[in-house]
């Protein structure tokens, strides 16, 4: 009986430690990189378009808490092979008020960009 109890507890702990599956390639979740813990900031819909040959991105961000949150973000612009095609952007800060939904927009600095990565961090 004691062995069964220990086995059940061990299996429960192992199941709780399982990592979530990686996001599908090409999905919106695969384009977001959380630098550290991403508390109460949820990435929503992403819209991508080409205007005059340049990639433009519009990303919805939501603060799920009732407290104001400061977050930092930047875009990495990637070429056909998946490597950066532009200099690394500086971190931009954004204050999101409690339960606020906001949009972040960006335009690629070069027409060579065919993909992007959004990097987010919260203090």
N, C-alpha and C. Protein backbone atom coordinates (compact mmCIF):
# COMPACT_ATOMS: atom_id res chain seq x y z
N UNK A 1 0.83 -1.19 0.00
CA UNK A 1 0.00 0.00 0.00
C UNK A 1 0.87 1.25 0.00
N UNK A 2 1.90 1.23 0.81
CA UNK A 2 2.78 2.39 0.91
C UNK A 2 3.51 2.62 -0.42
N UNK A 3 3.91 1.53 -1.09
CA UNK A 3 4.60 1.63 -2.37
C UNK A 3 3.68 2.26 -3.43
N UNK A 4 2.40 1.87 -3.43
CA UNK A 4 1.44 2.44 -4.37
C UNK A 4 1.27 3.94 -4.13
N UNK A 5 1.23 4.35 -2.88
CA UNK A 5 1.07 5.76 -2.55
C UNK A 5 2.28 6.57 -3.03
N UNK A 6 3.46 6.04 -2.81
CA UNK A 6 4.68 6.73 -3.26
C UNK A 6 4.72 6.80 -4.78
N UNK A 7 4.30 5.74 -5.46
CA UNK A 7 4.27 5.72 -6.92
C UNK A 7 3.29 6.76 -7.46
N UNK A 8 2.12 6.85 -6.86
CA UNK A 8 1.11 7.83 -7.30
C UNK A 8 1.63 9.25 -7.10
N UNK A 9 2.25 9.52 -5.98
CA UNK A 9 2.79 10.85 -5.71
C UNK A 9 3.91 11.18 -6.69
N UNK A 10 4.79 10.22 -6.96
CA UNK A 10 5.89 10.45 -7.91
C UNK A 10 5.35 10.74 -9.31
N UNK A 11 4.35 9.99 -9.75
CA UNK A 11 3.77 10.22 -11.07
C UNK A 11 3.08 11.58 -11.15
N UNK A 12 2.43 11.98 -10.07
CA UNK A 12 1.77 13.29 -10.04
C UNK A 12 2.80 14.41 -10.14
N UNK A 13 3.92 14.25 -9.45
CA UNK A 13 4.97 15.26 -9.52
C UNK A 13 5.59 15.32 -10.91
N UNK A 14 5.81 14.16 -11.52
CA UNK A 14 6.38 14.15 -12.86
C UNK A 14 5.43 14.77 -13.88
N UNK A 15 4.16 14.53 -13.73
CA UNK A 15 3.17 15.11 -14.65
C UNK A 15 3.12 16.63 -14.49
N UNK A 16 3.30 17.12 -13.28
CA UNK A 16 3.30 18.56 -13.04
C UNK A 16 4.54 19.23 -13.57
N UNK A 17 5.63 18.51 -13.74
CA UNK A 17 6.89 19.08 -14.22
C UNK A 17 7.01 19.04 -15.73
N UNK A 18 6.07 18.45 -16.40
CA UNK A 18 6.16 18.34 -17.86
C UNK A 18 6.09 19.74 -18.48
N UNK A 19 6.94 19.99 -19.44
CA UNK A 19 6.94 21.31 -20.08
C UNK A 19 5.86 21.34 -21.15
N UNK A 20 5.29 22.52 -21.39
CA UNK A 20 4.25 22.60 -22.42
C UNK A 20 4.85 22.38 -23.79
N UNK A 21 4.06 21.92 -24.73
CA UNK A 21 4.60 21.68 -26.08
C UNK A 21 5.00 23.00 -26.73
N UNK A 22 5.99 22.98 -27.61
CA UNK A 22 6.40 24.22 -28.28
C UNK A 22 5.30 24.70 -29.22
N UNK A 23 5.26 26.01 -29.49
CA UNK A 23 4.21 26.51 -30.37
C UNK A 23 4.41 26.03 -31.81
N UNK A 24 3.32 25.99 -32.55
CA UNK A 24 3.37 25.58 -33.95
C UNK A 24 4.22 26.57 -34.74
N UNK A 25 5.09 26.09 -35.63
CA UNK A 25 5.86 27.02 -36.46
C UNK A 25 4.95 27.89 -37.32
N UNK A 26 5.23 29.17 -37.35
CA UNK A 26 4.42 30.10 -38.14
C UNK A 26 3.24 30.67 -37.38
N UNK A 27 2.93 30.15 -36.19
CA UNK A 27 1.81 30.67 -35.42
C UNK A 27 2.23 31.97 -34.72
N UNK A 28 1.24 32.70 -34.23
CA UNK A 28 1.54 33.95 -33.53
C UNK A 28 2.38 33.70 -32.29
N UNK A 29 2.11 32.61 -31.58
CA UNK A 29 2.87 32.30 -30.36
C UNK A 29 4.33 32.03 -30.66
N UNK A 30 4.64 31.55 -31.86
CA UNK A 30 6.03 31.26 -32.20
C UNK A 30 6.82 32.53 -32.48
N UNK A 31 6.15 33.65 -32.64
CA UNK A 31 6.81 34.91 -32.96
C UNK A 31 7.07 35.76 -31.72
N UNK A 32 6.69 35.30 -30.55
CA UNK A 32 6.86 36.05 -29.31
C UNK A 32 7.89 35.34 -28.44
N UNK A 33 8.85 36.12 -27.94
CA UNK A 33 9.86 35.58 -27.03
C UNK A 33 9.75 36.35 -25.73
N UNK A 34 9.45 35.65 -24.65
CA UNK A 34 9.38 36.26 -23.33
C UNK A 34 10.77 36.21 -22.70
N UNK A 35 11.33 37.37 -22.41
CA UNK A 35 12.63 37.46 -21.77
C UNK A 35 12.40 37.49 -20.25
N UNK A 36 12.34 36.33 -19.64
CA UNK A 36 12.03 36.24 -18.23
C UNK A 36 10.54 35.99 -18.03
N UNK A 37 10.11 36.17 -16.81
CA UNK A 37 8.70 35.94 -16.47
C UNK A 37 7.84 37.01 -17.13
N UNK A 38 6.78 36.58 -17.78
CA UNK A 38 5.86 37.51 -18.45
C UNK A 38 4.59 37.55 -17.64
N UNK A 39 4.57 38.37 -16.61
CA UNK A 39 3.44 38.40 -15.69
C UNK A 39 2.34 39.33 -16.18
N UNK A 40 1.15 38.77 -16.32
CA UNK A 40 -0.08 39.51 -16.61
C UNK A 40 -0.10 40.24 -17.94
N UNK A 41 0.81 39.96 -18.83
CA UNK A 41 0.79 40.54 -20.17
C UNK A 41 0.49 39.41 -21.15
N UNK A 42 -0.59 39.56 -21.89
CA UNK A 42 -1.02 38.53 -22.84
C UNK A 42 -0.95 39.10 -24.25
N UNK A 43 -0.34 38.35 -25.13
CA UNK A 43 -0.24 38.75 -26.53
C UNK A 43 -1.46 38.20 -27.26
N UNK A 44 -2.16 39.09 -27.95
CA UNK A 44 -3.37 38.70 -28.66
C UNK A 44 -3.13 38.59 -30.15
N UNK A 45 -4.04 39.14 -30.90
CA UNK A 45 -4.00 39.04 -32.36
C UNK A 45 -2.81 39.78 -32.95
N UNK A 46 -2.27 39.22 -34.02
CA UNK A 46 -1.18 39.85 -34.76
C UNK A 46 -1.62 40.01 -36.20
N UNK A 47 -1.36 41.19 -36.73
CA UNK A 47 -1.66 41.44 -38.13
C UNK A 47 -0.37 41.83 -38.84
N UNK A 48 -0.11 41.20 -39.94
CA UNK A 48 1.11 41.44 -40.71
C UNK A 48 0.70 41.78 -42.14
N UNK A 49 1.33 42.83 -42.68
CA UNK A 49 1.05 43.23 -44.06
C UNK A 49 2.32 43.79 -44.68
N UNK A 50 2.30 43.91 -45.98
CA UNK A 50 3.41 44.56 -46.70
C UNK A 50 2.87 45.84 -47.30
N UNK A 51 3.53 46.93 -46.98
CA UNK A 51 3.15 48.23 -47.54
C UNK A 51 4.38 48.83 -48.19
N UNK A 52 4.29 49.11 -49.48
CA UNK A 52 5.41 49.67 -50.25
C UNK A 52 6.66 48.81 -50.13
N UNK A 53 6.49 47.50 -50.01
CA UNK A 53 7.62 46.58 -49.94
C UNK A 53 8.16 46.35 -48.55
N UNK A 54 7.66 47.05 -47.54
CA UNK A 54 8.15 46.91 -46.17
C UNK A 54 7.12 46.17 -45.32
N UNK A 55 7.59 45.26 -44.48
CA UNK A 55 6.72 44.51 -43.60
C UNK A 55 6.23 45.41 -42.47
N UNK A 56 4.94 45.39 -42.21
CA UNK A 56 4.36 46.13 -41.09
C UNK A 56 3.66 45.14 -40.17
N UNK A 57 3.75 45.40 -38.88
CA UNK A 57 3.20 44.49 -37.87
C UNK A 57 2.36 45.29 -36.89
N UNK A 58 1.23 44.72 -36.49
CA UNK A 58 0.35 45.29 -35.48
C UNK A 58 0.02 44.18 -34.49
N UNK A 59 0.41 44.35 -33.22
CA UNK A 59 0.24 43.30 -32.21
C UNK A 59 -0.63 43.82 -31.07
N UNK A 60 -1.61 43.03 -30.67
CA UNK A 60 -2.48 43.37 -29.55
C UNK A 60 -1.87 42.85 -28.26
N UNK A 61 -1.77 43.71 -27.24
CA UNK A 61 -1.26 43.33 -25.91
C UNK A 61 -2.32 43.68 -24.88
N UNK A 62 -2.51 42.80 -23.90
CA UNK A 62 -3.50 43.03 -22.86
C UNK A 62 -2.87 42.84 -21.49
N UNK A 63 -3.23 43.73 -20.57
CA UNK A 63 -2.83 43.62 -19.17
C UNK A 63 -3.99 42.93 -18.45
N UNK A 64 -3.76 41.73 -17.94
CA UNK A 64 -4.84 40.96 -17.32
C UNK A 64 -5.01 41.27 -15.84
N UNK A 65 -4.13 42.08 -15.26
CA UNK A 65 -4.29 42.44 -13.86
C UNK A 65 -5.00 43.78 -13.75
N UNK A 66 -5.38 44.15 -12.54
CA UNK A 66 -6.03 45.43 -12.32
C UNK A 66 -5.03 46.49 -11.88
N UNK A 67 -3.77 46.17 -11.93
CA UNK A 67 -2.70 47.10 -11.55
C UNK A 67 -1.95 47.53 -12.80
N UNK A 68 -1.40 48.72 -12.76
CA UNK A 68 -0.60 49.21 -13.88
C UNK A 68 0.67 48.38 -14.00
N UNK A 69 1.07 48.09 -15.22
CA UNK A 69 2.27 47.29 -15.49
C UNK A 69 3.14 48.05 -16.47
N UNK A 70 4.45 48.02 -16.23
CA UNK A 70 5.40 48.54 -17.19
C UNK A 70 6.02 47.35 -17.90
N UNK A 71 6.11 47.45 -19.21
CA UNK A 71 6.72 46.38 -19.98
C UNK A 71 7.67 46.99 -21.00
N UNK A 72 8.58 46.16 -21.47
CA UNK A 72 9.55 46.57 -22.48
C UNK A 72 9.42 45.62 -23.66
N UNK A 73 9.58 46.15 -24.86
CA UNK A 73 9.46 45.32 -26.05
C UNK A 73 10.40 45.84 -27.13
N UNK A 74 10.70 44.96 -28.07
CA UNK A 74 11.43 45.32 -29.29
C UNK A 74 11.17 44.25 -30.34
N UNK A 75 11.37 44.62 -31.59
CA UNK A 75 11.19 43.70 -32.70
C UNK A 75 12.55 43.32 -33.26
N UNK A 76 12.68 42.07 -33.66
CA UNK A 76 13.84 41.60 -34.40
C UNK A 76 13.33 41.25 -35.79
N UNK A 77 13.94 41.82 -36.81
CA UNK A 77 13.50 41.62 -38.19
C UNK A 77 14.37 40.56 -38.83
N UNK A 78 13.74 39.53 -39.39
CA UNK A 78 14.44 38.36 -39.90
C UNK A 78 14.30 38.24 -41.41
N UNK A 79 15.33 37.72 -42.05
CA UNK A 79 15.33 37.50 -43.50
C UNK A 79 14.84 36.12 -43.86
N UNK A 80 15.00 35.78 -45.11
CA UNK A 80 14.52 34.50 -45.66
C UNK A 80 15.11 33.30 -44.92
N UNK A 81 16.36 33.39 -44.49
CA UNK A 81 17.03 32.27 -43.81
C UNK A 81 16.77 32.25 -42.31
N UNK A 82 16.07 33.25 -41.78
CA UNK A 82 15.78 33.30 -40.35
C UNK A 82 16.79 34.07 -39.53
N UNK A 83 17.75 34.71 -40.19
CA UNK A 83 18.75 35.51 -39.49
C UNK A 83 18.36 36.99 -39.52
N UNK A 84 18.81 37.76 -38.52
CA UNK A 84 18.48 39.20 -38.51
C UNK A 84 19.00 39.91 -39.75
N UNK A 85 18.19 40.82 -40.29
CA UNK A 85 18.59 41.59 -41.47
C UNK A 85 18.74 43.08 -41.14
N UNK A 86 18.53 43.44 -39.89
CA UNK A 86 18.67 44.84 -39.46
C UNK A 86 19.37 44.87 -38.11
N UNK A 87 19.87 46.04 -37.76
CA UNK A 87 20.50 46.20 -36.45
C UNK A 87 19.48 45.93 -35.35
N UNK A 88 19.99 45.50 -34.21
CA UNK A 88 19.12 45.22 -33.07
C UNK A 88 18.46 46.52 -32.60
N UNK A 89 17.16 46.47 -32.41
CA UNK A 89 16.42 47.65 -31.93
C UNK A 89 16.69 47.88 -30.45
N UNK A 90 16.47 49.10 -30.01
CA UNK A 90 16.55 49.41 -28.58
C UNK A 90 15.24 48.99 -27.93
N UNK A 91 15.29 48.73 -26.63
CA UNK A 91 14.08 48.38 -25.90
C UNK A 91 13.20 49.61 -25.78
N UNK A 92 11.91 49.44 -26.02
CA UNK A 92 10.94 50.52 -25.86
C UNK A 92 10.09 50.20 -24.63
N UNK A 93 9.79 51.20 -23.84
CA UNK A 93 8.96 50.96 -22.65
C UNK A 93 7.52 51.36 -22.93
N UNK A 94 6.64 50.70 -22.21
CA UNK A 94 5.20 50.95 -22.38
C UNK A 94 4.52 50.71 -21.06
N UNK A 95 3.72 51.66 -20.61
CA UNK A 95 2.93 51.48 -19.40
C UNK A 95 1.53 51.06 -19.81
N UNK A 96 1.11 49.93 -19.27
CA UNK A 96 -0.24 49.45 -19.53
C UNK A 96 -1.04 49.57 -18.24
N UNK A 97 -2.13 50.27 -18.32
CA UNK A 97 -2.98 50.46 -17.15
C UNK A 97 -3.77 49.20 -16.87
N UNK A 98 -4.32 49.10 -15.67
CA UNK A 98 -5.05 47.91 -15.27
C UNK A 98 -6.15 47.53 -16.24
N UNK A 99 -6.17 46.28 -16.65
CA UNK A 99 -7.17 45.72 -17.56
C UNK A 99 -7.22 46.44 -18.91
N UNK A 100 -6.11 47.02 -19.34
CA UNK A 100 -6.04 47.74 -20.60
C UNK A 100 -5.60 46.82 -21.74
N UNK A 101 -6.17 47.06 -22.91
CA UNK A 101 -5.72 46.41 -24.13
C UNK A 101 -5.14 47.49 -25.02
N UNK A 102 -3.97 47.23 -25.58
CA UNK A 102 -3.28 48.21 -26.40
C UNK A 102 -2.69 47.53 -27.63
N UNK A 103 -2.26 48.33 -28.58
CA UNK A 103 -1.65 47.80 -29.80
C UNK A 103 -0.26 48.38 -29.97
N UNK A 104 0.66 47.54 -30.43
CA UNK A 104 2.03 47.94 -30.73
C UNK A 104 2.20 47.80 -32.24
N UNK A 105 2.69 48.85 -32.88
CA UNK A 105 2.87 48.82 -34.32
C UNK A 105 4.34 49.03 -34.65
N UNK A 106 4.79 48.41 -35.73
CA UNK A 106 6.17 48.57 -36.16
C UNK A 106 6.27 48.35 -37.66
N UNK A 107 7.27 48.99 -38.25
CA UNK A 107 7.57 48.83 -39.68
C UNK A 107 9.01 48.39 -39.79
N UNK A 108 9.26 47.38 -40.59
CA UNK A 108 10.62 46.86 -40.77
C UNK A 108 11.50 47.97 -41.37
N UNK A 109 12.73 48.07 -40.90
CA UNK A 109 13.62 49.11 -41.42
C UNK A 109 14.19 48.79 -42.80
N UNK A 110 14.00 47.57 -43.28
CA UNK A 110 14.51 47.18 -44.58
C UNK A 110 13.49 46.29 -45.29
N UNK A 111 13.50 46.36 -46.61
CA UNK A 111 12.57 45.55 -47.39
C UNK A 111 12.98 44.08 -47.41
N UNK A 112 14.18 43.75 -46.94
CA UNK A 112 14.65 42.36 -46.90
C UNK A 112 13.95 41.54 -45.83
N UNK A 113 13.30 42.19 -44.88
CA UNK A 113 12.64 41.48 -43.78
C UNK A 113 11.42 40.73 -44.30
N UNK A 114 11.36 39.43 -44.00
CA UNK A 114 10.21 38.62 -44.39
C UNK A 114 9.53 37.99 -43.17
N UNK A 115 10.14 38.15 -42.01
CA UNK A 115 9.59 37.60 -40.77
C UNK A 115 10.06 38.47 -39.62
N UNK A 116 9.50 38.24 -38.43
CA UNK A 116 9.86 39.05 -37.27
C UNK A 116 9.77 38.20 -36.01
N UNK A 117 10.32 38.76 -34.95
CA UNK A 117 10.20 38.18 -33.61
C UNK A 117 9.97 39.34 -32.66
N UNK A 118 8.96 39.24 -31.81
CA UNK A 118 8.65 40.24 -30.80
C UNK A 118 9.22 39.77 -29.47
N UNK A 119 10.11 40.56 -28.89
CA UNK A 119 10.72 40.22 -27.60
C UNK A 119 10.08 41.10 -26.55
N UNK A 120 9.61 40.48 -25.46
CA UNK A 120 8.91 41.18 -24.39
C UNK A 120 9.57 40.84 -23.06
N UNK A 121 9.69 41.86 -22.20
CA UNK A 121 10.11 41.59 -20.83
C UNK A 121 9.38 42.53 -19.88
N UNK A 122 9.11 42.03 -18.69
CA UNK A 122 8.49 42.83 -17.65
C UNK A 122 9.42 42.84 -16.45
N UNK A 123 9.51 43.98 -15.78
CA UNK A 123 10.41 44.04 -14.61
C UNK A 123 9.86 43.28 -13.42
